Amino acid sequence: MENCNKCGCSIKKTARSEEERKKLINRLNRIEGQIRGICKMVEKDTYCTDILVQSAAVKAAINAFNKELLANHIRNCVLKGVQEGNNEVIDELVSTLQGLMK
């Protein structure tokens, strides 16, 4: 896998349908709103338990985002790679799953 010289990120790209991109961005925008809400709660000295409840909701939202993205990755990127004879995508998937399960 090639990496970007500037930041070390992967140069690989995934072509997404407009519908998939829109769904993922909508989820991220909701998560961003939840984070802003938590910031305001901290600024207003909201009771710790109330903030923790909202933090747990953000974690659940991120998990839902990851599940959707992972499912799309398996259905598209991994399947395509295997069909093309690139079994490295399986090792990459296993590594990704291991990282998500920490």
Protein backbone atom coordinates (compact mmCIF):
# COMPACT_ATOMS: atom_id res chain seq x y z
CA MET A 1 0.00 0.00 0.00
CA GLU A 2 1.29 3.41 -0.90
CA ASN A 3 1.34 6.20 1.67
CA CYS A 4 1.10 9.94 1.27
CA ASN A 5 4.44 11.68 1.72
CA LYS A 6 2.85 14.56 3.63
CA CYS A 7 0.91 12.75 6.36
CA GLY A 8 1.51 9.02 5.93
CA CYS A 9 -2.15 8.28 5.16
CA SER A 10 -3.13 5.70 2.57
CA ILE A 11 -3.35 6.87 -1.02
CA LYS A 12 -5.99 4.24 -1.79
CA LYS A 13 -9.42 5.61 -2.58
CA THR A 14 -12.91 4.15 -2.52
CA ALA A 15 -15.48 5.12 -5.12
CA ARG A 16 -18.78 5.60 -3.30
CA SER A 17 -22.23 6.12 -4.70
CA GLU A 18 -23.77 9.50 -4.07
CA GLU A 19 -26.34 7.82 -1.79
CA GLU A 20 -23.66 6.06 0.29
CA ARG A 21 -21.59 9.24 0.58
CA LYS A 22 -24.66 11.23 1.62
CA LYS A 23 -25.63 8.68 4.31
CA LEU A 24 -22.12 8.61 5.77
CA ILE A 25 -21.81 12.40 5.79
CA ASN A 26 -25.23 12.77 7.41
CA ARG A 27 -24.16 10.39 10.18
CA LEU A 28 -20.93 12.32 10.69
CA ASN A 29 -22.77 15.64 10.77
CA ARG A 30 -25.09 14.29 13.50
CA ILE A 31 -22.07 13.06 15.47
CA GLU A 32 -20.42 16.46 15.06
CA GLY A 33 -23.57 18.08 16.44
CA GLN A 34 -23.58 15.73 19.40
CA ILE A 35 -19.95 16.61 20.15
CA ARG A 36 -20.74 20.33 19.99
CA GLY A 37 -23.61 19.69 22.39
CA ILE A 38 -21.27 17.98 24.84
CA CYS A 39 -18.85 20.92 24.62
CA LYS A 40 -21.68 23.28 25.55
CA MET A 41 -22.63 21.03 28.45
CA VAL A 42 -19.06 21.21 29.78
CA GLU A 43 -19.02 24.98 29.32
CA LYS A 44 -22.26 25.23 31.33
CA ASP A 45 -20.91 22.98 34.10
CA THR A 46 -23.60 20.37 33.42
CA TYR A 47 -23.70 17.49 35.87
CA CYS A 48 -21.10 14.80 35.05
CA THR A 49 -23.60 11.96 34.68
CA ASP A 50 -25.59 13.90 32.09
CA ILE A 51 -22.44 14.50 30.06
CA LEU A 52 -21.46 10.85 30.34
CA VAL A 53 -24.85 9.79 28.98
CA GLN A 54 -24.33 12.04 25.96
CA SER A 55 -20.78 10.78 25.52
CA ALA A 56 -22.09 7.20 25.46
CA ALA A 57 -24.59 8.26 22.78
CA VAL A 58 -21.72 9.63 20.68
CA LYS A 59 -19.81 6.38 21.10
CA ALA A 60 -22.88 4.44 19.94
CA ALA A 61 -23.26 6.77 16.95
CA ILE A 62 -19.61 6.29 15.98
CA ASN A 63 -20.03 2.52 16.31
CA ALA A 64 -23.06 2.67 14.01
CA PHE A 65 -21.04 4.73 11.50
CA ASN A 66 -18.20 2.20 11.65
CA LYS A 67 -20.59 -0.74 11.15
CA GLU A 68 -22.10 0.87 8.07
CA LEU A 69 -18.71 1.80 6.63
CA LEU A 70 -17.31 -1.66 7.38
CA ALA A 71 -20.28 -3.39 5.73
CA ASN A 72 -19.85 -1.22 2.64
CA HIS A 73 -16.11 -1.95 2.64
CA ILE A 74 -16.68 -5.71 2.75
CA ARG A 75 -19.42 -5.64 0.10
CA ASN A 76 -17.41 -3.46 -2.27
CA CYS A 77 -13.66 -3.19 -1.66
CA VAL A 78 -12.98 -6.61 -0.17
CA LEU A 79 -15.25 -8.47 -2.57
CA LYS A 80 -13.74 -6.68 -5.57
CA GLY A 81 -10.22 -7.39 -4.35
CA VAL A 82 -10.90 -11.10 -3.85
CA GLN A 83 -12.60 -11.35 -7.25
CA GLU A 84 -9.51 -9.76 -8.80
CA GLY A 85 -7.26 -12.26 -7.02
CA ASN A 86 -5.90 -9.76 -4.49
CA ASN A 87 -6.02 -11.77 -1.28
CA GLU A 88 -4.11 -9.03 0.56
CA VAL A 89 -7.50 -7.38 1.10
CA ILE A 90 -8.35 -10.23 3.49
CA ASP A 91 -5.25 -9.52 5.60
CA GLU A 92 -6.08 -5.82 5.52
CA LEU A 93 -9.66 -6.57 6.67
CA VAL A 94 -8.43 -8.77 9.52
CA SER A 95 -6.00 -6.05 10.60
CA THR A 96 -8.77 -3.44 10.45
CA LEU A 97 -11.11 -5.61 12.52
CA GLN A 98 -8.40 -6.22 15.10
CA GLY A 99 -7.86 -2.46 15.39
CA LEU A 100 -11.58 -1.83 15.81
CA MET A 101 -11.87 -4.42 18.57
CA LYS A 102 -9.26 -2.86 20.87
